[in-house]
Amino acid sequence: MKTFTQQYEIAKNNSIEFMKKGQISAYLNSLVEMNKYKRLMVAVVSN
């Protein structure tokens, strides 16, 4: 769980940086990655 949280935060920070730089495709990929880790965290908590 702790690693999922850390990876989620890294993806979140990356997405913010990509948006500031105007790299839209990289920003969207980071959002998809954030969604993946969020789903994993929810799955771990529910089990």
C-alpha atoms as a PDB file:
ATOM      1  CA  MET A   1       0.000   0.000   0.000  1.00  0.00           C
ATOM      2  CA  LYS A   2       2.802   2.372   0.888  1.00  0.00           C
ATOM      3  CA  THR A   3       4.515   1.837  -2.471  1.00  0.00           C
ATOM      4  CA  PHE A   4       1.245   2.476  -4.333  1.00  0.00           C
ATOM      5  CA  THR A   5       0.844   5.746  -2.470  1.00  0.00           C
ATOM      6  CA  GLN A   6       4.403   6.802  -3.269  1.00  0.00           C
ATOM      7  CA  GLN A   7       4.027   5.886  -6.946  1.00  0.00           C
ATOM      8  CA  TYR A   8       0.709   7.763  -7.077  1.00  0.00           C
ATOM      9  CA  GLU A   9       2.336  10.889  -5.643  1.00  0.00           C
ATOM     10  CA  ILE A  10       5.244  10.634  -8.109  1.00  0.00           C
ATOM     11  CA  ALA A  11       2.803  10.354 -11.009  1.00  0.00           C
ATOM     12  CA  LYS A  12       0.854  13.307  -9.629  1.00  0.00           C
ATOM     13  CA  ASN A  13       3.967  15.471  -9.422  1.00  0.00           C
ATOM     14  CA  ASN A  14       4.996  14.405 -12.923  1.00  0.00           C
ATOM     15  CA  SER A  15       1.579  15.321 -14.291  1.00  0.00           C
ATOM     16  CA  ILE A  16       1.803  18.781 -12.739  1.00  0.00           C
ATOM     17  CA  GLU A  17       5.231  19.343 -14.292  1.00  0.00           C
ATOM     18  CA  PHE A  18       4.086  18.093 -17.700  1.00  0.00           C
ATOM     19  CA  MET A  19       1.083  20.421 -17.617  1.00  0.00           C
ATOM     20  CA  LYS A  20       3.289  23.394 -16.713  1.00  0.00           C
ATOM     21  CA  LYS A  21       5.579  22.580 -19.653  1.00  0.00           C
ATOM     22  CA  GLY A  22       2.645  22.116 -22.039  1.00  0.00           C
ATOM     23  CA  GLN A  23       3.358  18.468 -22.773  1.00  0.00           C
ATOM     24  CA  ILE A  24      -0.249  17.383 -23.117  1.00  0.00           C
ATOM     25  CA  SER A  25       0.291  13.767 -24.201  1.00  0.00           C
ATOM     26  CA  ALA A  26       2.730  13.129 -21.331  1.00  0.00           C
ATOM     27  CA  TYR A  27       0.252  14.831 -18.970  1.00  0.00           C
ATOM     28  CA  LEU A  28      -2.553  12.515 -20.068  1.00  0.00           C
ATOM     29  CA  ASN A  29      -0.310   9.472 -19.691  1.00  0.00           C
ATOM     30  CA  SER A  30       0.472  10.571 -16.129  1.00  0.00           C
ATOM     31  CA  LEU A  31      -3.234  10.889 -15.397  1.00  0.00           C
ATOM     32  CA  VAL A  32      -3.791   7.345 -16.655  1.00  0.00           C
ATOM     33  CA  GLU A  33      -0.937   6.158 -14.431  1.00  0.00           C
ATOM     34  CA  MET A  34      -2.451   7.976 -11.434  1.00  0.00           C
ATOM     35  CA  ASN A  35      -5.791   6.292 -12.124  1.00  0.00           C
ATOM     36  CA  LYS A  36      -4.082   2.882 -12.236  1.00  0.00           C
ATOM     37  CA  TYR A  37      -2.450   3.366  -8.831  1.00  0.00           C
ATOM     38  CA  LYS A  38      -5.637   4.765  -7.323  1.00  0.00           C
ATOM     39  CA  ARG A  39      -7.545   1.633  -8.447  1.00  0.00           C
ATOM     40  CA  LEU A  40      -4.834  -0.590  -6.983  1.00  0.00           C
ATOM     41  CA  MET A  41      -5.024   1.259  -3.656  1.00  0.00           C
ATOM     42  CA  VAL A  42      -8.815   0.834  -3.564  1.00  0.00           C
ATOM     43  CA  ALA A  43      -8.472  -2.869  -4.364  1.00  0.00           C
ATOM     44  CA  VAL A  44      -5.939  -3.371  -1.577  1.00  0.00           C
ATOM     45  CA  VAL A  45      -8.103  -1.551   0.956  1.00  0.00           C
ATOM     46  CA  SER A  46     -11.238  -3.487   0.018  1.00  0.00           C
ATOM     47  CA  ASN A  47      -9.543  -6.876   0.495  1.00  0.00           C
END
